[in-house]
C-alpha atoms as a PDB file:
ATOM      1  CA  MET A   1     -57.252 -49.766 226.941  1.00  0.00           C
ATOM      2  CA  SER A   2     -54.855 -46.871 227.467  1.00  0.00           C
ATOM      3  CA  VAL A   3     -52.390 -47.310 230.326  1.00  0.00           C
ATOM      4  CA  ASN A   4     -49.474 -45.056 231.187  1.00  0.00           C
ATOM      5  CA  PHE A   5     -47.463 -47.390 233.411  1.00  0.00           C
ATOM      6  CA  GLU A   6     -45.386 -44.485 234.733  1.00  0.00           C
ATOM      7  CA  VAL A   7     -48.485 -43.448 236.719  1.00  0.00           C
ATOM      8  CA  LEU A   8     -48.183 -46.593 238.855  1.00  0.00           C
ATOM      9  CA  PHE A   9     -44.827 -45.422 240.198  1.00  0.00           C
ATOM     10  CA  GLN A  10     -46.675 -42.518 241.842  1.00  0.00           C
ATOM     11  CA  VAL A  11     -48.763 -44.797 244.072  1.00  0.00           C
ATOM     12  CA  SER A  12     -47.338 -44.334 247.565  1.00  0.00           C
ATOM     13  CA  TYR A  13     -45.791 -47.231 249.511  1.00  0.00           C
ATOM     14  CA  GLY A  14     -43.284 -47.749 252.267  1.00  0.00           C
ATOM     15  CA  LEU A  15     -40.357 -50.156 252.036  1.00  0.00           C
ATOM     16  CA  TYR A  16     -40.014 -52.788 254.743  1.00  0.00           C
ATOM     17  CA  ILE A  17     -38.269 -56.029 255.587  1.00  0.00           C
ATOM     18  CA  VAL A  18     -40.645 -58.840 256.448  1.00  0.00           C
ATOM     19  CA  THR A  19     -39.173 -61.757 258.396  1.00  0.00           C
ATOM     20  CA  SER A  20     -40.324 -65.166 259.535  1.00  0.00           C
ATOM     21  CA  GLU A  21     -38.855 -68.295 261.065  1.00  0.00           C
ATOM     22  CA  TYR A  22     -39.503 -71.973 260.418  1.00  0.00           C
ATOM     23  CA  GLU A  23     -37.792 -74.903 262.125  1.00  0.00           C
ATOM     24  CA  GLY A  24     -35.036 -72.644 263.464  1.00  0.00           C
ATOM     25  CA  SER A  25     -34.235 -70.997 260.115  1.00  0.00           C
ATOM     26  CA  ILE A  26     -34.827 -67.239 259.669  1.00  0.00           C
ATOM     27  CA  ASN A  27     -35.394 -65.531 256.337  1.00  0.00           C
ATOM     28  CA  GLY A  28     -36.510 -62.090 255.238  1.00  0.00           C
ATOM     29  CA  CYS A  29     -37.232 -60.081 252.120  1.00  0.00           C
ATOM     30  CA  LEU A  30     -37.832 -56.483 251.077  1.00  0.00           C
ATOM     31  CA  ILE A  31     -41.495 -55.592 250.493  1.00  0.00           C
ATOM     32  CA  ASN A  32     -43.618 -52.547 249.743  1.00  0.00           C
ATOM     33  CA  THR A  33     -46.941 -54.271 250.402  1.00  0.00           C
ATOM     34  CA  LEU A  34     -47.523 -53.727 254.126  1.00  0.00           C
ATOM     35  CA  CYS A  35     -50.950 -52.223 254.756  1.00  0.00           C
ATOM     36  CA  GLN A  36     -53.094 -51.678 257.845  1.00  0.00           C
ATOM     37  CA  VAL A  37     -56.557 -53.003 257.069  1.00  0.00           C
ATOM     38  CA  ASN A  38     -58.313 -52.530 260.418  1.00  0.00           C
ATOM     39  CA  SER A  39     -57.867 -50.416 263.554  1.00  0.00           C
ATOM     40  CA  GLU A  40     -59.804 -52.446 266.120  1.00  0.00           C
ATOM     41  CA  PRO A  41     -58.384 -54.940 266.457  1.00  0.00           C
ATOM     42  CA  PRO A  42     -55.199 -53.663 264.737  1.00  0.00           C
ATOM     43  CA  THR A  43     -54.815 -55.790 261.624  1.00  0.00           C
ATOM     44  CA  PHE A  44     -52.153 -55.756 258.915  1.00  0.00           C
ATOM     45  CA  GLN A  45     -51.546 -57.496 255.633  1.00  0.00           C
ATOM     46  CA  VAL A  46     -48.430 -58.287 253.642  1.00  0.00           C
ATOM     47  CA  ILE A  47     -48.316 -59.657 250.100  1.00  0.00           C
ATOM     48  CA  LEU A  48     -45.496 -61.960 249.019  1.00  0.00           C
ATOM     49  CA  ASN A  49     -44.539 -63.733 245.831  1.00  0.00           C
ATOM     50  CA  LYS A  50     -44.934 -67.506 246.130  1.00  0.00           C
ATOM     51  CA  LEU A  51     -41.363 -67.948 244.879  1.00  0.00           C
ATOM     52  CA  ASN A  52     -39.959 -66.203 247.955  1.00  0.00           C
ATOM     53  CA  LEU A  53     -38.621 -68.406 250.742  1.00  0.00           C
ATOM     54  CA  THR A  54     -40.066 -65.955 253.282  1.00  0.00           C
ATOM     55  CA  HIS A  55     -43.487 -66.671 251.780  1.00  0.00           C
ATOM     56  CA  ASP A  56     -43.078 -70.343 252.663  1.00  0.00           C
ATOM     57  CA  TYR A  57     -41.890 -69.572 256.193  1.00  0.00           C
ATOM     58  CA  ILE A  58     -44.915 -67.365 256.890  1.00  0.00           C
ATOM     59  CA  ALA A  59     -47.283 -69.932 255.393  1.00  0.00           C
ATOM     60  CA  LYS A  60     -45.842 -72.677 257.612  1.00  0.00           C
ATOM     61  CA  SER A  61     -45.265 -70.728 260.841  1.00  0.00           C
ATOM     62  CA  GLY A  62     -48.313 -68.448 260.704  1.00  0.00           C
ATOM     63  CA  ARG A  63     -46.317 -65.480 262.035  1.00  0.00           C
ATOM     64  CA  PHE A  64     -44.276 -62.606 260.612  1.00  0.00           C
ATOM     65  CA  GLY A  65     -42.360 -59.526 261.695  1.00  0.00           C
ATOM     66  CA  VAL A  66     -41.930 -56.256 259.816  1.00  0.00           C
ATOM     67  CA  THR A  67     -39.038 -53.781 260.130  1.00  0.00           C
ATOM     68  CA  ILE A  68     -39.903 -50.204 259.149  1.00  0.00           C
ATOM     69  CA  LEU A  69     -36.739 -48.971 257.447  1.00  0.00           C
ATOM     70  CA  SER A  70     -34.914 -45.656 257.598  1.00  0.00           C
ATOM     71  CA  GLN A  71     -34.460 -43.784 254.332  1.00  0.00           C
ATOM     72  CA  ASP A  72     -30.721 -43.870 255.078  1.00  0.00           C
ATOM     73  CA  ALA A  73     -30.590 -47.651 254.559  1.00  0.00           C
ATOM     74  CA  PRO A  74     -27.753 -48.294 252.034  1.00  0.00           C
ATOM     75  CA  PHE A  75     -28.204 -49.997 248.677  1.00  0.00           C
ATOM     76  CA  GLU A  76     -26.049 -52.971 249.621  1.00  0.00           C
ATOM     77  CA  PHE A  77     -28.360 -53.719 252.534  1.00  0.00           C
ATOM     78  CA  LEU A  78     -31.533 -53.254 250.464  1.00  0.00           C
ATOM     79  CA  GLY A  79     -30.100 -55.404 247.682  1.00  0.00           C
ATOM     80  CA  ARG A  80     -29.393 -58.265 250.092  1.00  0.00           C
ATOM     81  CA  PHE A  81     -33.072 -58.511 250.997  1.00  0.00           C
ATOM     82  CA  GLY A  82     -34.590 -57.298 247.727  1.00  0.00           C
ATOM     83  CA  PHE A  83     -32.661 -59.009 244.936  1.00  0.00           C
ATOM     84  CA  ARG A  84     -31.108 -62.124 246.456  1.00  0.00           C
ATOM     85  CA  SER A  85     -32.929 -65.326 247.237  1.00  0.00           C
ATOM     86  CA  GLY A  86     -32.743 -67.053 250.597  1.00  0.00           C
ATOM     87  CA  ARG A  87     -32.978 -70.306 248.654  1.00  0.00           C
ATOM     88  CA  GLN A  88     -29.550 -69.598 247.168  1.00  0.00           C
ATOM     89  CA  MET A  89     -27.708 -67.742 249.927  1.00  0.00           C
ATOM     90  CA  PRO A  90     -28.186 -67.073 253.651  1.00  0.00           C
ATOM     91  CA  LYS A  91     -29.431 -63.487 254.063  1.00  0.00           C
ATOM     92  CA  ILE A  92     -29.041 -63.587 257.828  1.00  0.00           C
ATOM     93  CA  ASP A  93     -25.345 -63.685 258.749  1.00  0.00           C
ATOM     94  CA  ASP A  94     -23.085 -62.020 261.332  1.00  0.00           C
ATOM     95  CA  THR A  95     -23.604 -58.607 259.687  1.00  0.00           C
ATOM     96  CA  ILE A  96     -27.325 -58.711 260.453  1.00  0.00           C
ATOM     97  CA  THR A  97     -28.604 -58.041 263.965  1.00  0.00           C
ATOM     98  CA  ILE A  98     -31.710 -60.021 264.896  1.00  0.00           C
ATOM     99  CA  LEU A  99     -34.018 -58.906 267.692  1.00  0.00           C
ATOM    100  CA  ARG A 100     -36.721 -61.066 269.227  1.00  0.00           C
ATOM    101  CA  SER A 101     -40.174 -59.661 269.886  1.00  0.00           C
ATOM    102  CA  PRO A 102     -41.883 -60.626 273.160  1.00  0.00           C
ATOM    103  CA  GLU A 103     -43.473 -63.510 271.231  1.00  0.00           C
ATOM    104  CA  GLY A 104     -40.078 -64.659 269.920  1.00  0.00           C
ATOM    105  CA  ILE A 105     -40.592 -63.501 266.333  1.00  0.00           C
ATOM    106  CA  PRO A 106     -37.285 -62.489 264.656  1.00  0.00           C
ATOM    107  CA  ILE A 107     -36.847 -58.857 263.608  1.00  0.00           C
ATOM    108  CA  VAL A 108     -34.042 -57.288 261.552  1.00  0.00           C
ATOM    109  CA  LYS A 109     -32.686 -54.373 263.610  1.00  0.00           C
ATOM    110  CA  ASN A 110     -30.256 -52.942 261.021  1.00  0.00           C
ATOM    111  CA  HIS A 111     -31.467 -49.559 259.699  1.00  0.00           C
ATOM    112  CA  GLY A 112     -34.818 -50.064 261.421  1.00  0.00           C
ATOM    113  CA  LEU A 113     -36.913 -47.246 262.889  1.00  0.00           C
ATOM    114  CA  SER A 114     -39.513 -49.542 264.456  1.00  0.00           C
ATOM    115  CA  TYR A 115     -41.059 -52.965 264.115  1.00  0.00           C
ATOM    116  CA  LEU A 116     -44.355 -54.788 264.383  1.00  0.00           C
ATOM    117  CA  THR A 117     -45.275 -58.466 264.562  1.00  0.00           C
ATOM    118  CA  CYS A 118     -48.421 -60.304 263.511  1.00  0.00           C
ATOM    119  CA  GLU A 119     -50.103 -63.673 263.752  1.00  0.00           C
ATOM    120  CA  VAL A 120     -51.765 -64.771 260.522  1.00  0.00           C
ATOM    121  CA  PHE A 121     -55.465 -65.605 260.695  1.00  0.00           C
ATOM    122  CA  LYS A 122     -56.362 -65.472 257.006  1.00  0.00           C
ATOM    123  CA  THR A 123     -54.657 -65.934 253.639  1.00  0.00           C
ATOM    124  CA  VAL A 124     -55.862 -64.945 250.185  1.00  0.00           C
ATOM    125  CA  ASP A 125     -54.493 -66.562 247.021  1.00  0.00           C
ATOM    126  CA  VAL A 126     -53.835 -63.928 244.349  1.00  0.00           C
ATOM    127  CA  ASP A 127     -52.324 -66.037 241.576  1.00  0.00           C
ATOM    128  CA  THR A 128     -48.548 -65.496 241.741  1.00  0.00           C
ATOM    129  CA  HIS A 129     -48.753 -63.988 245.253  1.00  0.00           C
ATOM    130  CA  THR A 130     -50.362 -64.646 248.621  1.00  0.00           C
ATOM    131  CA  THR A 131     -51.905 -62.048 250.899  1.00  0.00           C
ATOM    132  CA  PHE A 132     -51.243 -62.820 254.566  1.00  0.00           C
ATOM    133  CA  ILE A 133     -53.606 -61.024 256.967  1.00  0.00           C
ATOM    134  CA  GLY A 134     -52.584 -60.960 260.618  1.00  0.00           C
ATOM    135  CA  LYS A 135     -53.594 -59.506 263.959  1.00  0.00           C
ATOM    136  CA  LEU A 136     -51.048 -57.236 265.602  1.00  0.00           C
ATOM    137  CA  LEU A 137     -49.085 -58.881 268.417  1.00  0.00           C
ATOM    138  CA  SER A 138     -46.492 -56.229 269.264  1.00  0.00           C
ATOM    139  CA  ALA A 139     -45.006 -52.948 268.004  1.00  0.00           C
ATOM    140  CA  GLU A 140     -41.967 -51.041 269.266  1.00  0.00           C
ATOM    141  CA  ALA A 141     -39.834 -48.060 268.244  1.00  0.00           C
ATOM    142  CA  LEU A 142     -36.116 -48.599 267.608  1.00  0.00           C
ATOM    143  CA  ALA A 143     -34.671 -45.278 266.444  1.00  0.00           C
ATOM    144  CA  GLU A 144     -35.453 -41.760 265.253  1.00  0.00           C
ATOM    145  CA  GLY A 145     -35.504 -40.904 261.561  1.00  0.00           C
ATOM    146  CA  SER A 146     -37.548 -40.675 258.388  1.00  0.00           C
ATOM    147  CA  PRO A 147     -39.120 -43.875 257.021  1.00  0.00           C
ATOM    148  CA  LEU A 148     -38.044 -45.111 253.603  1.00  0.00           C
ATOM    149  CA  THR A 149     -40.773 -44.749 250.987  1.00  0.00           C
ATOM    150  CA  TYR A 150     -41.022 -46.308 247.548  1.00  0.00           C
ATOM    151  CA  ALA A 151     -40.979 -42.840 245.977  1.00  0.00           C
ATOM    152  CA  TYR A 152     -37.756 -41.888 247.813  1.00  0.00           C
ATOM    153  CA  TYR A 153     -36.200 -45.234 246.862  1.00  0.00           C
ATOM    154  CA  ARG A 154     -36.909 -44.664 243.167  1.00  0.00           C
ATOM    155  CA  LYS A 155     -36.428 -40.921 242.798  1.00  0.00           C
ATOM    156  CA  VAL A 156     -33.588 -40.206 245.226  1.00  0.00           C
ATOM    157  CA  LYS A 157     -31.804 -43.527 245.570  1.00  0.00           C
ATOM    158  CA  LYS A 158     -32.565 -44.432 241.911  1.00  0.00           C
ATOM    159  CA  GLY A 159     -33.578 -47.912 243.032  1.00  0.00           C
ATOM    160  CA  LYS A 160     -35.339 -50.547 240.944  1.00  0.00           C
ATOM    161  CA  THR A 161     -38.062 -53.074 241.724  1.00  0.00           C
ATOM    162  CA  SER A 162     -37.475 -56.800 242.142  1.00  0.00           C
ATOM    163  CA  LYS A 163     -39.131 -58.965 239.501  1.00  0.00           C
ATOM    164  CA  ASN A 164     -40.893 -60.857 242.323  1.00  0.00           C
ATOM    165  CA  ALA A 165     -42.585 -57.703 243.645  1.00  0.00           C
ATOM    166  CA  PRO A 166     -46.302 -57.117 242.945  1.00  0.00           C
ATOM    167  CA  THR A 167     -45.393 -53.620 241.717  1.00  0.00           C
ATOM    168  CA  TYR A 168     -42.748 -54.745 239.208  1.00  0.00           C
ATOM    169  CA  ILE A 169     -43.227 -53.229 235.748  1.00  0.00           C
ATOM    170  CA  SER A 170     -41.213 -54.451 232.788  1.00  0.00           C
ATOM    171  CA  PRO A 171     -39.025 -51.708 231.276  1.00  0.00           C
ATOM    172  CA  GLU A 172     -40.632 -52.447 227.911  1.00  0.00           C
ATOM    173  CA  LYS A 173     -43.966 -51.204 229.282  1.00  0.00           C
ATOM    174  CA  THR A 174     -42.864 -47.804 230.504  1.00  0.00           C
ATOM    175  CA  THR A 175     -43.919 -44.948 228.285  1.00  0.00           C
ATOM    176  CA  LYS A 176     -40.995 -42.585 228.775  1.00  0.00           C
ATOM    177  CA  SER A 177     -38.110 -43.115 226.417  1.00  0.00           C
ATOM    178  CA  ILE A 178     -34.576 -43.306 227.763  1.00  0.00           C
ATOM    179  CA  GLN A 179     -32.604 -40.282 226.622  1.00  0.00           C
ATOM    180  CA  GLU A 180     -29.501 -40.920 224.567  1.00  0.00           C
ATOM    181  CA  ALA A 181     -26.228 -39.877 226.196  1.00  0.00           C
ATOM    182  CA  THR A 182     -22.744 -39.254 224.862  1.00  0.00           C
ATOM    183  CA  MET A 183     -21.537 -42.304 226.766  1.00  0.00           C
ATOM    184  CA  ALA A 184     -23.632 -45.460 226.685  1.00  0.00           C
ATOM    185  CA  LYS A 185     -25.759 -46.534 229.637  1.00  0.00           C
ATOM    186  CA  TYR A 186     -25.673 -50.118 230.876  1.00  0.00           C
ATOM    187  CA  VAL A 187     -28.458 -52.057 232.561  1.00  0.00           C
ATOM    188  CA  CYS A 188     -28.058 -54.765 235.213  1.00  0.00           C
ATOM    189  CA  ASN A 189     -29.500 -58.038 233.900  1.00  0.00           C
ATOM    190  CA  VAL A 190     -30.402 -59.125 237.444  1.00  0.00           C
ATOM    191  CA  CYS A 191     -32.201 -56.174 239.040  1.00  0.00           C
ATOM    192  CA  GLY A 192     -32.683 -53.599 236.256  1.00  0.00           C
ATOM    193  CA  TYR A 193     -30.410 -50.928 237.769  1.00  0.00           C
ATOM    194  CA  ILE A 194     -29.150 -48.560 235.060  1.00  0.00           C
ATOM    195  CA  TYR A 195     -25.592 -47.275 235.220  1.00  0.00           C
ATOM    196  CA  ASP A 196     -25.623 -43.748 233.783  1.00  0.00           C
ATOM    197  CA  PRO A 197     -22.120 -42.339 233.136  1.00  0.00           C
ATOM    198  CA  ALA A 198     -23.485 -38.829 233.567  1.00  0.00           C
ATOM    199  CA  VAL A 199     -24.431 -39.682 237.171  1.00  0.00           C
ATOM    200  CA  GLY A 200     -21.738 -42.221 238.050  1.00  0.00           C
ATOM    201  CA  ASP A 201     -22.016 -44.081 241.347  1.00  0.00           C
ATOM    202  CA  PRO A 202     -21.185 -41.532 244.058  1.00  0.00           C
ATOM    203  CA  ASP A 203     -21.920 -43.964 246.903  1.00  0.00           C
ATOM    204  CA  GLY A 204     -19.476 -46.411 245.318  1.00  0.00           C
ATOM    205  CA  GLY A 205     -16.759 -43.805 244.775  1.00  0.00           C
ATOM    206  CA  VAL A 206     -17.386 -43.447 241.013  1.00  0.00           C
ATOM    207  CA  ALA A 207     -17.446 -39.838 239.844  1.00  0.00           C
ATOM    208  CA  PRO A 208     -19.955 -38.482 237.309  1.00  0.00           C
ATOM    209  CA  GLY A 209     -18.595 -38.692 233.771  1.00  0.00           C
ATOM    210  CA  THR A 210     -17.061 -42.157 234.244  1.00  0.00           C
ATOM    211  CA  ALA A 211     -17.748 -44.470 231.302  1.00  0.00           C
ATOM    212  CA  PHE A 212     -18.899 -47.982 232.104  1.00  0.00           C
ATOM    213  CA  GLU A 213     -15.783 -49.354 230.413  1.00  0.00           C
ATOM    214  CA  SER A 214     -13.643 -47.321 232.838  1.00  0.00           C
ATOM    215  CA  LEU A 215     -15.232 -48.713 235.984  1.00  0.00           C
ATOM    216  CA  PRO A 216     -12.864 -50.754 238.193  1.00  0.00           C
ATOM    217  CA  ASP A 217     -12.984 -54.510 237.626  1.00  0.00           C
ATOM    218  CA  ASN A 218     -14.183 -55.015 241.206  1.00  0.00           C
ATOM    219  CA  TRP A 219     -17.085 -52.567 240.850  1.00  0.00           C
ATOM    220  CA  VAL A 220     -20.467 -54.151 241.564  1.00  0.00           C
ATOM    221  CA  CYS A 221     -24.085 -53.172 241.008  1.00  0.00           C
ATOM    222  CA  PRO A 222     -25.039 -50.874 243.916  1.00  0.00           C
ATOM    223  CA  VAL A 223     -28.488 -52.461 244.123  1.00  0.00           C
ATOM    224  CA  CYS A 224     -27.972 -56.222 243.899  1.00  0.00           C
ATOM    225  CA  GLY A 225     -24.187 -56.654 244.123  1.00  0.00           C
ATOM    226  CA  VAL A 226     -23.446 -58.510 240.864  1.00  0.00           C
ATOM    227  CA  GLY A 227     -20.334 -57.765 238.803  1.00  0.00           C
ATOM    228  CA  LYS A 228     -19.883 -55.821 235.576  1.00  0.00           C
ATOM    229  CA  ASP A 229     -20.213 -59.017 233.538  1.00  0.00           C
ATOM    230  CA  GLN A 230     -23.923 -59.061 234.427  1.00  0.00           C
ATOM    231  CA  PHE A 231     -24.579 -55.720 232.658  1.00  0.00           C
ATOM    232  CA  SER A 232     -25.761 -55.152 229.087  1.00  0.00           C
ATOM    233  CA  LYS A 233     -25.357 -52.069 226.930  1.00  0.00           C
ATOM    234  CA  MET A 234     -28.569 -50.165 226.302  1.00  0.00           C
END
């Protein structure tokens, strides 16, 4: 079998935050697996890794909300929901604004263009993940802007994919070789983000041409927020 895994990055997805609540606790995670599967009645599905706390909340509550994100959403915000576990840290704190849908389902407002909520009526076990299929309960617009797509996240924001995502592909499987540079590149051991000295980290105030060794001690991964000690030389 011949598979060029780079081709899979060209499959189009959006990026969303799915939220759910169980026994008064709210959790959410970043997904790219929202899909409308029927128009009448409006029906949507989301696919979540069984290791995710949000997975458990949806399974127990039978309801979920989805925030459609703006492409201007910053890395720090995406990293909070995409590379950190609600089992280890509270994702919802005083920096996150929670809206309630008419049915009382929690929605993350930050960097949201719109939202929808669903009630689950069917689940499908897909080994490491579960597909939750739900009927649409409500949908509202929040702001103007362009929605964040997976392609924009990877190509423009240079984002990586969480290991819990259905679309995660191990770097060892990609067919394009990483080009050698004068200064060494470093990879984040947590999320796979690659620090390229030729690019720097403009959003973090690091100019192109800055070697990894010259980064400030308080510099953190722009995707998942870990420190320099969690990076390995490539």
